[in-house]
Amino acid sequence: MSDRSDEWRADYDEARLRDVPFETMSGVPLDAVHGDAPYPGQYPFTRGLHAAGYRSRLWTMRMFAGFGTAEDTNARFKELLRAGGTGLSTAFDMPTLMGRDSDSPWALGEVGRAGVAVDTLADMEDLFADIDLGGVSTSMTINGPAATLMAMYVAVGEKAGVARADLAGTIQNDILKEYQAQKEYIYPPRPSMRIVTDMVKFTTAEMPKWHPVSISGYHIREAGSTAAQELAFTLANGFAYVEAAIAAGEDINEFGRRLSFFFNSHSDFFEEIGKFRAARRIWARWMKERYGATDERAMMCRFHTQTAGVSLTAQQPEINIARVATQVLAAALGGTQSLHSDSFDEALALPTDKAARIALRTQQLVAHETGVVNVVDPLGGAPFVEWMTDEMERQVEEIFAHLDELGDGSILEGVYAGIDNGYFVGAIADSAYRFEREVNAGRRIIVGVNEFTGGDEETEPNLLRIDHATEEYQRKRLEAVKHDRSQEAVDTTLAAITVAAQDPTVNVMPPIIDAVKAYATEEEIAMAMESVFGTYVETAIV
């Protein structure tokens, strides 16, 4: 027996295993791990972060939800928790994502349409009403105004008697991928990175259960990248945040273990599994060998996964249930820590309660009926899976070498340069164009779209529709909050944010929390920093 095997057995804690039979449906007992070292839970974590894998704990079933008013989404949250969801994930509407209030001219026609509208602390209070924030972890998908939304969550927790130190969850706060793919930015890259770094400092000091950045490849993939580009651009952005935090004097062993990732689970089953396995290995090696991390927890690539929204079809939408199931299975075999499964109707509208419940049940079926959770990294050692993992790493390292060259030895500067010269946008656009040409030529079959199209005449399913009354309600609610608050307190706290933004040695989080508690609006807070940082306008690449 090898020393690595002895180490693995020492880490495999029988006392922490779930109380279920680890055997086949026919009653055949199953070993926890098969194959050679390195074993699960051992550096560089190719086979998983923990020795026992899902034998000790299943992934968090964190369903993404948000629409209409805060009260509407609060009801959906409670329904998902009743249905067996184990974490919350919040989708915000487009005005909120862009740092604009519901009464802004920019918000016309978009309030509550693609997520929940949040303008002030009053909305956040309603969003999490009667939900135990000390007993559930929450993810918030927000980037440009992330500091403000996190401040609101802190304030809501404190009002409910939950200390900052006890709040658990993640805020996306991955501003770099906004310039590369999603385009929901406010300020230029460098001041935006300053805000991200301030949030890392704040949470490291005061919120030990909180992940201040979820470095997100999901949107890069949805924009049309390849799997290798998704992985390379995402990890490169992660290294950029690491370099920025180190430059700000932060300890990599402290903040490194609090970074998390967010990947896409697309339709090419084995490519996705290889991508997930390679992600852990690449991140661990770079954190140790390039950035000097010594704490293995700071080398671990923890990630949330979402099935591929871009793969969903409006044609024959029920087929999407099968698509999502295979993507869920790939994420589970790849060792994700948490997972959102898309609803079958999302190519047509926001998901209905029934569609969201089917999506959650899909995860539960994979977890409890397929047996894939009984063995850690069950595909580890399979020649094709190991080759795919290696091939992912090879392609990713080529991209890293290019970014390193662009940045004269700094991935951070290479990412800045790649944003400025259009490298990321161009690479993603080229990949998206190639894929669409293959679909249009019939060389790549999408069931129900360019082949097997019988059944397109079927009746459209019931859809969730957000009417204009929602926008009117939200605008009147915001007007009432502004009427009832102390304008003097708002003005004072906003001025403090502007002063803090002018001094890079001052953390912007405390004054933002003060402004939130005074019921300053999201847009007012954004404008207080915009007066110092300016706004970002993308350069056209021709």
Protein backbone atom coordinates (compact mmCIF):
# COMPACT_ATOMS: atom_id res chain seq x y z
CA MET A 1 0.00 0.00 0.00
CA SER A 2 1.42 3.41 -1.01
CA ASP A 3 2.02 6.33 1.34
CA ARG A 4 -0.56 8.36 -0.66
CA SER A 5 -3.13 5.63 -0.05
CA ASP A 6 -2.39 5.70 3.68
CA GLU A 7 -2.82 9.48 3.69
CA TRP A 8 -6.14 9.18 1.88
CA ARG A 9 -7.45 6.58 4.33
CA ALA A 10 -6.44 8.81 7.24
CA ASP A 11 -8.49 11.67 5.73
CA TYR A 12 -11.48 9.43 4.94
CA ASP A 13 -13.53 10.08 8.07
CA GLU A 14 -16.09 7.32 8.56
CA ALA A 15 -17.85 9.35 11.23
CA ARG A 16 -18.77 12.08 8.73
CA LEU A 17 -20.30 9.85 6.07
CA ARG A 18 -23.96 10.12 5.14
CA ASP A 19 -26.17 7.39 6.62
CA VAL A 20 -26.97 5.63 3.34
CA PRO A 21 -25.89 2.29 1.83
CA PHE A 22 -22.83 2.71 -0.42
CA GLU A 23 -23.72 -0.14 -2.73
CA THR A 24 -25.34 -0.77 -6.10
CA MET A 25 -29.09 -1.13 -6.48
CA SER A 26 -28.48 -4.89 -6.49
CA GLY A 27 -26.72 -4.73 -3.13
CA VAL A 28 -23.09 -4.95 -4.28
CA PRO A 29 -20.85 -3.03 -1.82
CA LEU A 30 -18.77 -0.25 -3.39
CA ASP A 31 -15.32 1.01 -2.46
CA ALA A 32 -15.08 4.77 -2.03
CA VAL A 33 -12.28 5.20 -4.53
CA HIS A 34 -10.76 3.27 -7.41
CA GLY A 35 -7.54 3.79 -9.34
CA ASP A 36 -4.10 5.10 -8.49
CA ALA A 37 -2.81 8.15 -6.63
CA PRO A 38 -3.22 11.03 -6.33
CA TYR A 39 -6.43 10.28 -4.51
CA PRO A 40 -9.40 12.57 -3.87
CA GLY A 41 -8.58 15.24 -1.32
CA GLN A 42 -4.89 15.21 -2.21
CA TYR A 43 -2.93 17.91 -4.05
CA PRO A 44 -3.40 18.87 -6.85
CA PHE A 45 -7.04 17.83 -6.25
CA THR A 46 -7.70 16.58 -9.80
CA ARG A 47 -9.98 13.89 -8.37
CA GLY A 48 -11.82 16.15 -5.94
CA LEU A 49 -11.31 18.42 -2.97
CA HIS A 50 -12.34 15.97 -0.25
CA ALA A 51 -11.33 12.38 0.47
CA ALA A 52 -14.91 11.12 0.81
CA GLY A 53 -16.49 13.25 -1.91
CA TYR A 54 -20.27 13.09 -1.97
CA ARG A 55 -20.21 10.20 0.49
CA SER A 56 -19.86 12.77 3.25
CA ARG A 57 -21.91 15.60 1.76
CA LEU A 58 -23.88 16.09 -1.42
CA TRP A 59 -23.42 19.23 -3.47
CA THR A 60 -25.54 22.22 -2.48
CA MET A 61 -28.66 22.36 -4.64
CA ARG A 62 -28.71 26.11 -5.09
CA MET A 63 -31.52 27.13 -7.41
CA PHE A 64 -31.25 30.52 -9.14
CA ALA A 65 -34.38 32.61 -8.62
CA GLY A 66 -35.46 36.19 -9.00
CA PHE A 67 -38.32 38.01 -10.71
CA GLY A 68 -40.72 40.87 -10.20
CA THR A 69 -40.79 42.41 -6.75
CA ALA A 70 -38.87 41.35 -3.66
CA GLU A 71 -42.07 39.83 -2.27
CA ASP A 72 -42.54 37.73 -5.43
CA THR A 73 -39.02 36.32 -5.21
CA ASN A 74 -39.27 35.76 -1.46
CA ALA A 75 -42.25 33.47 -2.14
CA ARG A 76 -40.22 31.56 -4.79
CA PHE A 77 -37.29 31.20 -2.35
CA LYS A 78 -39.57 29.66 0.25
CA GLU A 79 -41.11 27.29 -2.31
CA LEU A 80 -37.66 26.08 -3.40
CA LEU A 81 -36.58 25.53 0.20
CA ARG A 82 -39.78 23.58 0.89
CA ALA A 83 -39.06 21.47 -2.20
CA GLY A 84 -35.67 20.43 -0.82
CA GLY A 85 -33.33 23.16 -2.09
CA THR A 86 -30.34 23.63 0.20
CA GLY A 87 -29.17 27.11 -0.78
CA LEU A 88 -30.48 30.34 -2.29
CA SER A 89 -29.19 32.06 -5.42
CA THR A 90 -30.49 35.49 -6.34
CA ALA A 91 -31.08 36.84 -9.85
CA PHE A 92 -31.44 40.61 -10.11
CA ASP A 93 -33.16 42.55 -12.88
CA MET A 94 -31.19 44.48 -15.48
CA PRO A 95 -31.50 47.93 -13.85
CA THR A 96 -30.18 46.52 -10.56
CA LEU A 97 -27.32 44.77 -12.38
CA MET A 98 -26.38 48.07 -14.00
CA GLY A 99 -26.55 50.10 -10.79
CA ARG A 100 -29.72 51.96 -11.78
CA ASP A 101 -32.89 52.51 -9.77
CA SER A 102 -36.33 51.44 -10.92
CA ASP A 103 -37.32 55.08 -11.55
CA SER A 104 -34.35 55.71 -13.85
CA PRO A 105 -35.10 56.39 -17.53
CA TRP A 106 -32.66 53.53 -18.24
CA ALA A 107 -34.95 51.14 -16.36
CA LEU A 108 -38.09 51.71 -18.41
CA GLY A 109 -39.62 48.38 -19.41
CA GLU A 110 -37.00 46.28 -17.60
CA VAL A 111 -38.05 46.44 -13.94
CA GLY A 112 -38.46 42.95 -12.53
CA ARG A 113 -38.34 41.36 -15.99
CA ALA A 114 -35.17 39.26 -15.85
CA GLY A 115 -34.71 39.16 -12.10
CA VAL A 116 -35.81 40.84 -8.90
CA ALA A 117 -35.77 44.63 -8.57
CA VAL A 118 -33.73 45.91 -5.62
CA ASP A 119 -33.38 49.66 -5.14
CA THR A 120 -32.91 50.10 -1.40
CA LEU A 121 -32.48 48.21 1.85
CA ALA A 122 -36.29 48.06 2.09
CA ASP A 123 -36.34 45.72 -0.92
CA MET A 124 -33.61 43.54 0.52
CA GLU A 125 -35.55 43.30 3.78
CA ASP A 126 -38.59 42.01 1.88
CA LEU A 127 -36.49 39.70 -0.26
CA PHE A 128 -35.26 37.73 2.75
CA ALA A 129 -38.24 38.19 5.07
CA ASP A 130 -38.81 35.18 7.35
CA ILE A 131 -35.74 33.36 5.99
CA ASP A 132 -33.10 32.37 8.54
CA LEU A 133 -29.95 34.03 7.19
CA GLY A 134 -27.94 32.32 9.90
CA GLY A 135 -29.04 28.90 8.67
CA VAL A 136 -28.90 29.19 4.88
CA SER A 137 -26.17 30.21 2.47
CA THR A 138 -27.01 32.78 -0.17
CA SER A 139 -25.44 33.51 -3.53
CA MET A 140 -26.00 36.85 -5.26
CA THR A 141 -25.28 37.29 -8.96
CA ILE A 142 -24.24 40.94 -9.07
CA ASN A 143 -21.04 42.59 -10.26
CA GLY A 144 -20.80 46.35 -10.95
CA PRO A 145 -22.86 47.31 -7.84
CA ALA A 146 -21.76 44.22 -5.85
CA ALA A 147 -20.45 46.24 -2.90
CA THR A 148 -23.86 47.87 -2.44
CA LEU A 149 -25.84 44.62 -2.59
CA MET A 150 -23.45 42.93 -0.16
CA ALA A 151 -23.81 45.91 2.17
CA MET A 152 -27.59 45.50 2.02
CA TYR A 153 -27.28 41.82 2.90
CA VAL A 154 -25.06 42.68 5.88
CA ALA A 155 -27.60 45.26 7.06
CA VAL A 156 -30.53 42.84 6.68
CA GLY A 157 -28.64 40.20 8.63
CA GLU A 158 -27.82 42.58 11.45
CA LYS A 159 -31.45 43.75 11.65
CA ALA A 160 -32.46 40.08 12.01
CA GLY A 161 -29.87 39.51 14.73
CA VAL A 162 -27.36 37.64 12.53
CA ALA A 163 -23.84 38.97 12.95
CA ARG A 164 -21.64 39.61 9.91
CA ALA A 165 -19.37 36.80 10.99
CA ASP A 166 -22.27 34.32 10.79
CA LEU A 167 -23.49 35.22 7.30
CA ALA A 168 -22.62 32.48 4.80
CA GLY A 169 -22.66 32.76 1.05
CA THR A 170 -21.11 34.20 -2.06
CA ILE A 171 -21.33 37.38 -4.08
CA GLN A 172 -20.28 37.08 -7.70
CA ASN A 173 -18.34 40.36 -7.85
CA ASP A 174 -16.29 39.16 -10.86
CA ILE A 175 -15.92 42.45 -12.67
CA LEU A 176 -13.21 41.34 -15.11
CA LYS A 177 -15.48 38.94 -16.99
CA GLU A 178 -17.94 41.80 -17.47
CA TYR A 179 -15.50 43.55 -19.80
CA GLN A 180 -14.85 40.25 -21.55
CA ALA A 181 -18.33 38.80 -21.98
CA GLN A 182 -21.38 40.03 -20.06
CA LYS A 183 -20.95 43.85 -20.29
CA GLU A 184 -22.65 44.76 -16.99
CA TYR A 185 -20.00 47.20 -15.76
CA ILE A 186 -20.14 50.74 -14.41
CA TYR A 187 -16.60 51.98 -13.78
CA PRO A 188 -13.34 51.39 -15.71
CA PRO A 189 -11.39 48.18 -14.92
CA ARG A 190 -8.77 49.56 -12.53
CA PRO A 191 -11.08 51.39 -10.07
CA SER A 192 -13.47 48.45 -10.32
CA MET A 193 -10.63 46.17 -9.23
CA ARG A 194 -9.98 48.51 -6.31
CA ILE A 195 -13.59 47.96 -5.14
CA VAL A 196 -13.22 44.19 -5.48
CA THR A 197 -10.02 44.27 -3.44
CA ASP A 198 -11.71 46.37 -0.75
CA MET A 199 -14.46 43.74 -0.54
CA VAL A 200 -11.87 40.97 -0.23
CA LYS A 201 -10.19 42.88 2.62
CA PHE A 202 -13.51 43.56 4.35
CA THR A 203 -14.80 40.00 4.23
CA THR A 204 -11.43 38.54 5.23
CA ALA A 205 -11.51 40.71 8.35
CA GLU A 206 -15.21 40.53 9.24
CA MET A 207 -17.07 37.80 7.31
CA PRO A 208 -15.18 34.49 7.56
CA LYS A 209 -18.05 32.45 6.04
CA TRP A 210 -18.44 34.70 3.03
CA HIS A 211 -16.87 34.29 -0.43
CA PRO A 212 -16.22 37.82 -1.75
CA VAL A 213 -15.60 36.82 -5.38
CA SER A 214 -17.11 34.04 -7.48
CA ILE A 215 -14.87 34.00 -10.52
CA SER A 216 -17.25 33.21 -13.31
CA GLY A 217 -16.65 31.33 -16.51
CA TYR A 218 -20.36 30.76 -16.95
CA HIS A 219 -21.02 34.01 -18.80
CA ILE A 220 -17.89 33.60 -20.91
CA ARG A 221 -19.21 30.24 -22.11
CA GLU A 222 -22.72 31.60 -22.63
CA ALA A 223 -21.21 34.30 -24.87
CA GLY A 224 -19.83 31.57 -27.14
CA SER A 225 -16.38 30.56 -25.90
CA THR A 226 -14.97 27.05 -26.11
CA ALA A 227 -14.64 24.96 -22.95
CA ALA A 228 -10.88 25.62 -22.85
CA GLN A 229 -11.39 29.38 -23.28
CA GLU A 230 -13.98 29.37 -20.51
CA LEU A 231 -11.53 27.64 -18.21
CA ALA A 232 -8.47 29.68 -19.19
CA PHE A 233 -10.12 33.10 -19.09
CA THR A 234 -11.81 32.29 -15.77
CA LEU A 235 -8.68 31.04 -14.04
CA ALA A 236 -6.66 33.94 -15.49
CA ASN A 237 -9.18 36.36 -13.99
CA GLY A 238 -8.76 34.49 -10.71
CA PHE A 239 -5.00 34.93 -10.85
CA ALA A 240 -5.56 38.63 -11.58
CA TYR A 241 -7.60 38.99 -8.37
CA VAL A 242 -4.88 37.10 -6.51
CA GLU A 243 -2.18 39.47 -7.80
CA ALA A 244 -4.29 42.52 -6.93
CA ALA A 245 -4.91 41.25 -3.39
CA ILE A 246 -1.22 40.42 -2.86
CA ALA A 247 -0.28 43.91 -4.09
CA ALA A 248 -2.71 45.31 -1.51
CA GLY A 249 -0.87 43.47 1.26
CA GLU A 250 -3.30 40.59 1.77
CA ASP A 251 -2.10 37.11 2.80
CA ILE A 252 -2.72 34.58 0.03
CA ASN A 253 -3.32 31.83 2.59
CA GLU A 254 -6.11 33.91 4.13
CA PHE A 255 -7.97 35.31 1.14
CA GLY A 256 -7.06 32.44 -1.21
CA ARG A 257 -9.28 29.94 0.58
CA ARG A 258 -12.23 32.31 0.30
CA LEU A 259 -12.20 32.61 -3.49
CA SER A 260 -14.70 30.48 -5.40
CA PHE A 261 -15.56 29.80 -9.02
CA PHE A 262 -18.63 29.47 -11.20
CA PHE A 263 -18.55 27.24 -14.27
CA ASN A 264 -20.90 26.25 -17.07
CA SER A 265 -21.93 22.62 -17.58
CA HIS A 266 -22.54 22.34 -21.31
CA SER A 267 -23.64 19.49 -23.54
CA ASP A 268 -20.34 17.81 -24.51
CA PHE A 269 -20.39 15.36 -21.61
CA PHE A 270 -16.77 14.23 -21.37
CA GLU A 271 -15.30 17.59 -22.32
CA GLU A 272 -17.13 19.16 -19.38
CA ILE A 273 -15.92 16.50 -16.94
CA GLY A 274 -12.34 16.97 -18.15
CA LYS A 275 -12.73 20.73 -17.75
CA PHE A 276 -13.87 20.46 -14.13
CA ARG A 277 -11.04 18.06 -13.21
CA ALA A 278 -8.44 20.23 -14.96
CA ALA A 279 -9.74 23.35 -13.19
CA ARG A 280 -8.84 21.97 -9.77
CA ARG A 281 -5.40 20.80 -10.87
CA ILE A 282 -4.39 24.00 -12.68
CA TRP A 283 -5.57 26.30 -9.89
CA ALA A 284 -3.79 24.28 -7.20
CA ARG A 285 -0.50 24.20 -9.08
CA TRP A 286 -0.46 27.90 -9.90
CA MET A 287 -1.49 28.96 -6.40
CA LYS A 288 1.31 26.85 -4.92
CA GLU A 289 4.10 27.20 -7.47
CA ARG A 290 3.60 30.73 -8.81
CA TYR A 291 1.93 32.59 -5.94
CA GLY A 292 3.45 30.78 -2.98
CA ALA A 293 0.37 29.49 -1.18
CA THR A 294 1.27 27.01 1.56
CA ASP A 295 -2.19 26.32 3.01
CA GLU A 296 -3.85 23.62 0.90
CA ARG A 297 -7.24 25.25 1.48
CA ALA A 298 -5.94 28.27 -0.45
CA MET A 299 -5.07 25.97 -3.35
CA MET A 300 -8.55 24.45 -3.65
CA CYS A 301 -10.71 25.41 -6.62
CA ARG A 302 -14.19 25.40 -5.11
CA PHE A 303 -16.88 25.92 -7.71
CA HIS A 304 -20.57 26.32 -8.32
CA THR A 305 -21.97 25.06 -11.61
CA GLN A 306 -24.98 25.99 -13.68
CA THR A 307 -26.30 24.02 -16.60
CA ALA A 308 -25.95 25.77 -19.96
CA GLY A 309 -28.72 28.27 -20.50
CA VAL A 310 -27.47 28.90 -24.02
CA SER A 311 -28.12 25.24 -24.89
CA LEU A 312 -31.83 25.50 -24.11
CA THR A 313 -34.14 25.64 -27.11
CA ALA A 314 -37.43 27.42 -27.61
CA GLN A 315 -38.38 24.65 -30.03
CA GLN A 316 -39.82 21.58 -28.29
CA PRO A 317 -38.87 23.02 -24.88
CA GLU A 318 -39.67 19.83 -22.94
CA ILE A 319 -36.59 18.25 -24.54
CA ASN A 320 -34.58 20.69 -22.40
CA ILE A 321 -35.38 18.50 -19.38
CA ALA A 322 -33.19 15.78 -20.90
CA ARG A 323 -30.47 18.28 -21.85
CA VAL A 324 -30.34 19.60 -18.32
CA ALA A 325 -30.23 16.09 -16.85
CA THR A 326 -27.09 15.17 -18.81
CA GLN A 327 -25.46 18.47 -17.85
CA VAL A 328 -26.31 17.88 -14.18
CA LEU A 329 -24.76 14.42 -14.42
CA ALA A 330 -21.55 15.87 -15.93
CA ALA A 331 -21.31 18.42 -13.13
CA ALA A 332 -21.76 15.71 -10.50
CA LEU A 333 -19.14 13.47 -12.11
CA GLY A 334 -16.86 16.50 -12.31
CA GLY A 335 -17.15 17.11 -8.57
CA THR A 336 -19.01 20.42 -8.27
CA GLN A 337 -19.64 21.88 -4.80
CA SER A 338 -23.00 23.41 -5.68
CA LEU A 339 -25.30 23.35 -8.66
CA HIS A 340 -28.18 25.16 -10.34
CA SER A 341 -30.16 23.29 -12.96
CA ASP A 342 -31.98 25.36 -15.58
CA SER A 343 -35.71 25.08 -16.08
CA PHE A 344 -37.01 23.74 -19.38
CA ASP A 345 -38.97 26.92 -20.21
CA GLU A 346 -36.13 29.43 -19.78
CA ALA A 347 -35.60 29.88 -23.52
CA LEU A 348 -39.10 31.37 -23.57
CA ALA A 349 -39.48 33.21 -20.26
CA LEU A 350 -38.53 33.22 -16.60
CA PRO A 351 -39.26 29.79 -15.11
CA THR A 352 -42.62 28.92 -13.65
CA ASP A 353 -42.88 27.27 -10.23
CA LYS A 354 -43.52 23.90 -11.88
CA ALA A 355 -40.55 24.17 -14.24
CA ALA A 356 -38.22 25.22 -11.41
CA ARG A 357 -39.42 22.28 -9.32
CA ILE A 358 -38.73 19.83 -12.17
CA ALA A 359 -35.22 21.30 -12.50
CA LEU A 360 -34.59 20.79 -8.79
CA ARG A 361 -36.03 17.27 -8.92
CA THR A 362 -33.55 16.52 -11.73
CA GLN A 363 -30.66 17.21 -9.37
CA GLN A 364 -32.29 15.14 -6.64
CA LEU A 365 -32.77 12.24 -9.05
CA VAL A 366 -29.10 12.27 -10.07
CA ALA A 367 -28.04 12.49 -6.41
CA HIS A 368 -30.30 9.78 -5.03
CA GLU A 369 -31.09 7.34 -7.86
CA THR A 370 -28.11 7.05 -10.22
CA GLY A 371 -25.45 5.89 -7.75
CA VAL A 372 -22.81 8.32 -9.07
CA VAL A 373 -22.36 9.78 -5.59
CA ASN A 374 -21.29 6.46 -4.06
CA VAL A 375 -17.78 6.50 -5.54
CA VAL A 376 -15.45 9.52 -5.51
CA ASP A 377 -14.39 10.59 -9.03
CA PRO A 378 -15.86 7.43 -10.56
CA LEU A 379 -14.41 8.19 -14.01
CA GLY A 380 -10.90 8.83 -12.68
CA GLY A 381 -8.38 6.62 -14.45
CA ALA A 382 -10.52 6.14 -17.56
CA PRO A 383 -8.09 6.75 -20.46
CA PHE A 384 -10.38 9.12 -22.36
CA VAL A 385 -11.28 11.17 -19.27
CA GLU A 386 -7.63 11.45 -18.22
CA TRP A 387 -6.65 12.45 -21.78
CA MET A 388 -9.39 15.08 -21.88
CA THR A 389 -8.25 16.47 -18.52
CA ASP A 390 -4.68 16.72 -19.82
CA GLU A 391 -5.82 18.28 -23.10
CA MET A 392 -7.80 20.92 -21.24
CA GLU A 393 -4.72 21.78 -19.21
CA ARG A 394 -2.55 21.97 -22.33
CA GLN A 395 -4.89 24.41 -24.10
CA VAL A 396 -5.30 26.51 -20.98
CA GLU A 397 -1.56 26.82 -20.43
CA GLU A 398 -1.16 28.11 -24.00
CA ILE A 399 -3.60 30.92 -23.26
CA PHE A 400 -1.86 31.68 -19.95
CA ALA A 401 1.45 32.01 -21.81
CA HIS A 402 -0.11 34.58 -24.14
CA LEU A 403 -1.56 36.62 -21.26
CA ASP A 404 1.73 36.42 -19.36
CA GLU A 405 3.49 37.84 -22.41
CA LEU A 406 0.90 40.60 -22.80
CA GLY A 407 1.42 41.57 -19.16
CA ASP A 408 5.24 41.34 -19.11
CA GLY A 409 5.11 38.60 -16.49
CA SER A 410 1.88 39.69 -14.77
CA ILE A 411 -1.41 37.93 -15.43
CA LEU A 412 -3.24 40.95 -13.97
CA GLU A 413 -1.62 43.32 -16.45
CA GLY A 414 -2.13 40.73 -19.20
CA VAL A 415 -5.86 40.65 -18.45
CA TYR A 416 -6.02 44.46 -18.51
CA ALA A 417 -4.20 44.44 -21.85
CA GLY A 418 -6.49 41.72 -23.23
CA ILE A 419 -9.53 43.83 -22.30
CA ASP A 420 -8.04 46.98 -23.87
CA ASN A 421 -6.94 45.35 -27.14
CA GLY A 422 -10.07 43.25 -27.61
CA TYR A 423 -8.34 39.88 -27.24
CA PHE A 424 -11.03 38.32 -25.04
CA VAL A 425 -13.98 39.71 -26.97
CA GLY A 426 -12.45 38.67 -30.30
CA ALA A 427 -11.58 35.13 -29.21
CA ILE A 428 -15.08 34.54 -27.83
CA ALA A 429 -16.72 36.00 -30.94
CA ASP A 430 -14.63 33.79 -33.24
CA SER A 431 -15.60 30.66 -31.30
CA ALA A 432 -19.28 31.60 -31.27
CA TYR A 433 -19.20 32.27 -35.02
CA ARG A 434 -17.57 28.92 -35.76
CA PHE A 435 -20.17 27.04 -33.70
CA GLU A 436 -23.12 28.81 -35.35
CA ARG A 437 -21.73 28.12 -38.83
CA GLU A 438 -21.56 24.42 -37.97
CA VAL A 439 -25.16 24.44 -36.71
CA ASN A 440 -26.42 26.36 -39.76
CA ALA A 441 -24.59 23.97 -42.09
CA GLY A 442 -26.10 20.97 -40.32
CA ARG A 443 -22.69 19.61 -39.33
CA ARG A 444 -23.61 19.98 -35.66
CA ILE A 445 -27.07 18.68 -34.80
CA ILE A 446 -29.25 20.43 -32.23
CA VAL A 447 -32.26 18.21 -31.64
CA GLY A 448 -35.49 20.00 -32.44
CA VAL A 449 -33.71 22.94 -34.08
CA ASN A 450 -31.94 21.74 -37.24
CA GLU A 451 -32.92 18.07 -37.08
CA PHE A 452 -35.76 15.97 -35.61
CA THR A 453 -38.07 18.97 -35.75
CA GLY A 454 -41.38 17.13 -35.71
CA GLY A 455 -43.50 18.40 -32.85
CA ASP A 456 -42.70 22.10 -33.28
CA GLU A 457 -46.40 22.69 -33.78
CA GLU A 458 -47.12 21.75 -30.15
CA THR A 459 -48.79 24.29 -27.88
CA GLU A 460 -46.50 26.68 -26.02
CA PRO A 461 -46.27 25.78 -22.30
CA ASN A 462 -47.68 28.03 -19.62
CA LEU A 463 -45.19 30.86 -19.06
CA LEU A 464 -44.42 33.30 -16.27
CA ARG A 465 -45.11 36.83 -17.47
CA ILE A 466 -44.14 40.06 -15.69
CA ASP A 467 -46.65 42.79 -16.46
CA HIS A 468 -46.33 46.58 -16.37
CA ALA A 469 -48.07 46.73 -13.00
CA THR A 470 -44.94 45.30 -11.38
CA GLU A 471 -42.89 48.26 -12.61
CA GLU A 472 -45.49 50.76 -11.43
CA TYR A 473 -45.60 49.11 -8.00
CA GLN A 474 -41.82 49.19 -7.66
CA ARG A 475 -41.55 52.84 -8.70
CA LYS A 476 -44.20 53.85 -6.15
CA ARG A 477 -42.47 51.79 -3.47
CA LEU A 478 -39.18 53.56 -4.18
CA GLU A 479 -40.94 56.93 -4.04
CA ALA A 480 -42.35 56.06 -0.62
CA VAL A 481 -38.94 54.99 0.73
CA LYS A 482 -37.40 58.26 -0.45
CA HIS A 483 -40.22 60.21 1.19
CA ASP A 484 -39.84 58.50 4.57
CA ARG A 485 -36.04 58.52 4.91
CA SER A 486 -33.81 61.26 6.32
CA GLN A 487 -32.36 63.12 3.33
CA GLU A 488 -29.72 64.66 5.57
CA ALA A 489 -28.48 61.19 6.59
CA VAL A 490 -28.45 60.10 2.96
CA ASP A 491 -26.47 63.14 1.83
CA THR A 492 -23.96 62.73 4.65
CA THR A 493 -23.32 59.05 3.93
CA LEU A 494 -23.07 59.56 0.18
CA ALA A 495 -20.50 62.30 0.70
CA ALA A 496 -18.48 59.89 2.87
CA ILE A 497 -18.46 57.34 0.03
CA THR A 498 -17.08 59.93 -2.39
CA VAL A 499 -14.35 60.88 0.07
CA ALA A 500 -13.42 57.23 0.59
CA ALA A 501 -13.32 56.61 -3.18
CA GLN A 502 -10.81 59.43 -3.55
CA ASP A 503 -8.37 57.78 -1.12
CA PRO A 504 -7.12 54.33 -2.20
CA THR A 505 -5.96 53.62 1.36
CA VAL A 506 -9.55 53.80 2.66
CA ASN A 507 -11.91 50.82 2.34
CA VAL A 508 -15.17 51.81 0.66
CA MET A 509 -17.27 49.11 2.36
CA PRO A 510 -17.93 50.78 5.75
CA PRO A 511 -19.32 54.03 4.25
CA ILE A 512 -21.40 52.02 1.75
CA ILE A 513 -22.93 50.05 4.64
CA ASP A 514 -23.73 53.34 6.40
CA ALA A 515 -25.40 54.68 3.25
CA VAL A 516 -27.45 51.52 2.82
CA LYS A 517 -28.66 51.75 6.41
CA ALA A 518 -29.76 55.33 5.69
CA TYR A 519 -31.81 53.92 2.76
CA ALA A 520 -29.72 55.53 0.07
CA THR A 521 -30.58 53.95 -3.26
CA GLU A 522 -28.34 51.71 -5.31
CA GLU A 523 -28.04 54.35 -8.05
CA GLU A 524 -27.22 57.13 -5.58
CA ILE A 525 -24.39 55.04 -4.17
CA ALA A 526 -23.15 54.19 -7.67
CA MET A 527 -23.16 57.86 -8.64
CA ALA A 528 -21.23 58.79 -5.49
CA MET A 529 -18.37 56.59 -6.72
CA GLU A 530 -18.90 57.38 -10.39
CA SER A 531 -18.10 61.03 -9.64
CA VAL A 532 -14.58 59.85 -8.73
CA PHE A 533 -14.04 56.77 -10.89
CA GLY A 534 -15.90 57.78 -14.06
CA THR A 535 -17.67 55.28 -16.31
CA TYR A 536 -16.36 52.71 -18.77
CA VAL A 537 -17.10 52.87 -22.49
CA GLU A 538 -15.94 49.89 -24.51
CA THR A 539 -13.64 50.57 -27.44
CA ALA A 540 -15.00 49.20 -30.69
CA ILE A 541 -12.75 46.51 -32.15
CA VAL A 542 -12.71 46.34 -35.94
